[in-house]
Structures are given as C-alpha cells and as structure tokens.
C-alpha atoms as a PDB file:
ATOM      1  CA  MET A   1      17.065  -6.901   1.019  1.00  0.00           C
ATOM      2  CA  LYS A   2      13.930  -8.489  -0.393  1.00  0.00           C
ATOM      3  CA  THR A   3      12.914  -7.065  -3.768  1.00  0.00           C
ATOM      4  CA  LEU A   4       9.274  -6.170  -4.166  1.00  0.00           C
ATOM      5  CA  ASN A   5       7.524  -7.834  -7.078  1.00  0.00           C
ATOM      6  CA  ILE A   6       4.030  -6.423  -7.493  1.00  0.00           C
ATOM      7  CA  SER A   7       2.276  -8.399 -10.179  1.00  0.00           C
ATOM      8  CA  GLU A   8      -1.228  -7.718 -11.397  1.00  0.00           C
ATOM      9  CA  GLU A   9      -2.137 -11.226 -10.264  1.00  0.00           C
ATOM     10  CA  HIS A  10      -0.978 -10.437  -6.740  1.00  0.00           C
ATOM     11  CA  VAL A  11      -2.924  -7.179  -6.613  1.00  0.00           C
ATOM     12  CA  VAL A  12      -6.079  -8.850  -7.937  1.00  0.00           C
ATOM     13  CA  SER A  13      -5.840 -11.792  -5.546  1.00  0.00           C
ATOM     14  CA  ILE A  14      -5.040  -9.905  -2.347  1.00  0.00           C
ATOM     15  CA  THR A  15      -7.697 -10.247   0.339  1.00  0.00           C
ATOM     16  CA  GLU A  16      -9.298  -7.665   2.600  1.00  0.00           C
ATOM     17  CA  LYS A  17      -7.496  -9.275   5.563  1.00  0.00           C
ATOM     18  CA  GLU A  18      -4.129  -8.928   3.822  1.00  0.00           C
ATOM     19  CA  ILE A  19      -4.851  -5.271   3.075  1.00  0.00           C
ATOM     20  CA  ALA A  20      -5.868  -4.677   6.698  1.00  0.00           C
ATOM     21  CA  ASP A  21      -2.629  -6.322   7.868  1.00  0.00           C
ATOM     22  CA  LEU A  22      -0.671  -4.169   5.431  1.00  0.00           C
ATOM     23  CA  ALA A  23      -2.353  -1.040   6.772  1.00  0.00           C
ATOM     24  CA  ILE A  24      -1.574  -2.035  10.358  1.00  0.00           C
ATOM     25  CA  ARG A  25       2.106  -2.473   9.487  1.00  0.00           C
ATOM     26  CA  LEU A  26       2.160   0.928   7.813  1.00  0.00           C
ATOM     27  CA  GLU A  27       0.412   2.573  10.768  1.00  0.00           C
ATOM     28  CA  GLN A  28       2.760   1.000  13.308  1.00  0.00           C
ATOM     29  CA  ASP A  29       5.813   1.897  11.212  1.00  0.00           C
ATOM     30  CA  GLU A  30       8.058  -0.522  13.084  1.00  0.00           C
ATOM     31  CA  TYR A  31      10.075  -1.811  10.158  1.00  0.00           C
ATOM     32  CA  SER A  32      13.621  -3.051  10.572  1.00  0.00           C
ATOM     33  CA  ASN A  33      14.655  -0.879   7.622  1.00  0.00           C
ATOM     34  CA  ALA A  34      13.190   1.838   5.428  1.00  0.00           C
ATOM     35  CA  PHE A  35      12.900  -0.446   2.412  1.00  0.00           C
ATOM     36  CA  GLU A  36      10.375  -2.735   4.108  1.00  0.00           C
ATOM     37  CA  GLY A  37       8.076   0.205   4.774  1.00  0.00           C
ATOM     38  CA  LEU A  38       8.565   1.513   1.268  1.00  0.00           C
ATOM     39  CA  ASN A  39       7.686  -1.895  -0.173  1.00  0.00           C
ATOM     40  CA  ASP A  40       4.448  -1.976   1.823  1.00  0.00           C
ATOM     41  CA  TRP A  41       3.655   1.590   0.731  1.00  0.00           C
ATOM     42  CA  HIS A  42       4.199   0.684  -2.936  1.00  0.00           C
ATOM     43  CA  LEU A  43       1.983  -2.379  -2.575  1.00  0.00           C
ATOM     44  CA  LEU A  44      -0.833  -0.342  -1.022  1.00  0.00           C
ATOM     45  CA  ARG A  45      -0.420   2.236  -3.792  1.00  0.00           C
ATOM     46  CA  ALA A  46      -0.655  -0.459  -6.479  1.00  0.00           C
ATOM     47  CA  ILE A  47      -3.809  -1.802  -4.875  1.00  0.00           C
ATOM     48  CA  ALA A  48      -5.245   1.723  -4.743  1.00  0.00           C
ATOM     49  CA  PHE A  49      -4.756   2.129  -8.483  1.00  0.00           C
ATOM     50  CA  HIS A  50      -6.145  -1.261  -9.475  1.00  0.00           C
ATOM     51  CA  ARG A  51      -8.756  -1.820  -6.760  1.00  0.00           C
ATOM     52  CA  PRO A  52      -9.542   1.559  -5.169  1.00  0.00           C
ATOM     53  CA  GLU A  53     -12.620   0.242  -3.390  1.00  0.00           C
ATOM     54  CA  MET A  54     -10.379  -2.067  -1.337  1.00  0.00           C
ATOM     55  CA  VAL A  55      -8.260   0.743   0.142  1.00  0.00           C
ATOM     56  CA  GLU A  56     -10.850   3.450   0.769  1.00  0.00           C
ATOM     57  CA  SER A  57     -10.392   3.079   4.534  1.00  0.00           C
ATOM     58  CA  TYR A  58      -6.606   3.299   4.250  1.00  0.00           C
ATOM     59  CA  ILE A  59      -6.092   5.961   1.576  1.00  0.00           C
ATOM     60  CA  TYR A  60      -4.735   8.372   4.202  1.00  0.00           C
ATOM     61  CA  LEU A  61      -1.680   6.118   4.518  1.00  0.00           C
ATOM     62  CA  LEU A  62      -0.700   6.992   0.960  1.00  0.00           C
ATOM     63  CA  ASP A  63      -0.664  10.716   1.656  1.00  0.00           C
ATOM     64  CA  LEU A  64      -2.077  11.420  -1.787  1.00  0.00           C
ATOM     65  CA  GLU A  65      -3.305  14.962  -2.154  1.00  0.00           C
ATOM     66  CA  ALA A  66      -4.770  16.695  -5.126  1.00  0.00           C
ATOM     67  CA  TYR A  67      -2.946  19.892  -5.808  1.00  0.00           C
ATOM     68  CA  ASP A  68      -3.224  22.628  -8.342  1.00  0.00           C
ATOM     69  CA  GLU A  69      -0.085  23.162 -10.379  1.00  0.00           C
ATOM     70  CA  ALA A  70      -1.411  26.330 -12.001  1.00  0.00           C
END
C-alpha cells in the first residue's frame, strides 16, 4: 500500500488540471482498494483547507456539512 504524504509544498504546487483529475477519480470511485480512494479524499481535503478557491467546484465530494451541536 502506498502511503500518502501530503506536504504543504505539494498542496501549494498542485495544478487545476491535477485537481480536476483527482475529482474525476473520486467521482468514478473505481479504486482497486479503499485506501486509494481515502488517499485521494484526504488530498482533496488538504487542498480545500489550504486553497479553498481551487476546490469550490468539487467541495461536494468532501461531504462537509455544517451542523449545530447545540
């Protein structure tokens, strides 16, 4: 299994094309194992935190919802 290493340098240098490809993989969900999909999800999440403008079109893939814990 390939270990995911998400560095700040990687997140900062990722291109719009790479993000679009990542989103396509997540949408198709045809991974050979669950860890590959989870790695892509974590990468998209890291990008969303550091460069939110880059993932606006794909935020639905993260299934992030605001909820009231009150």
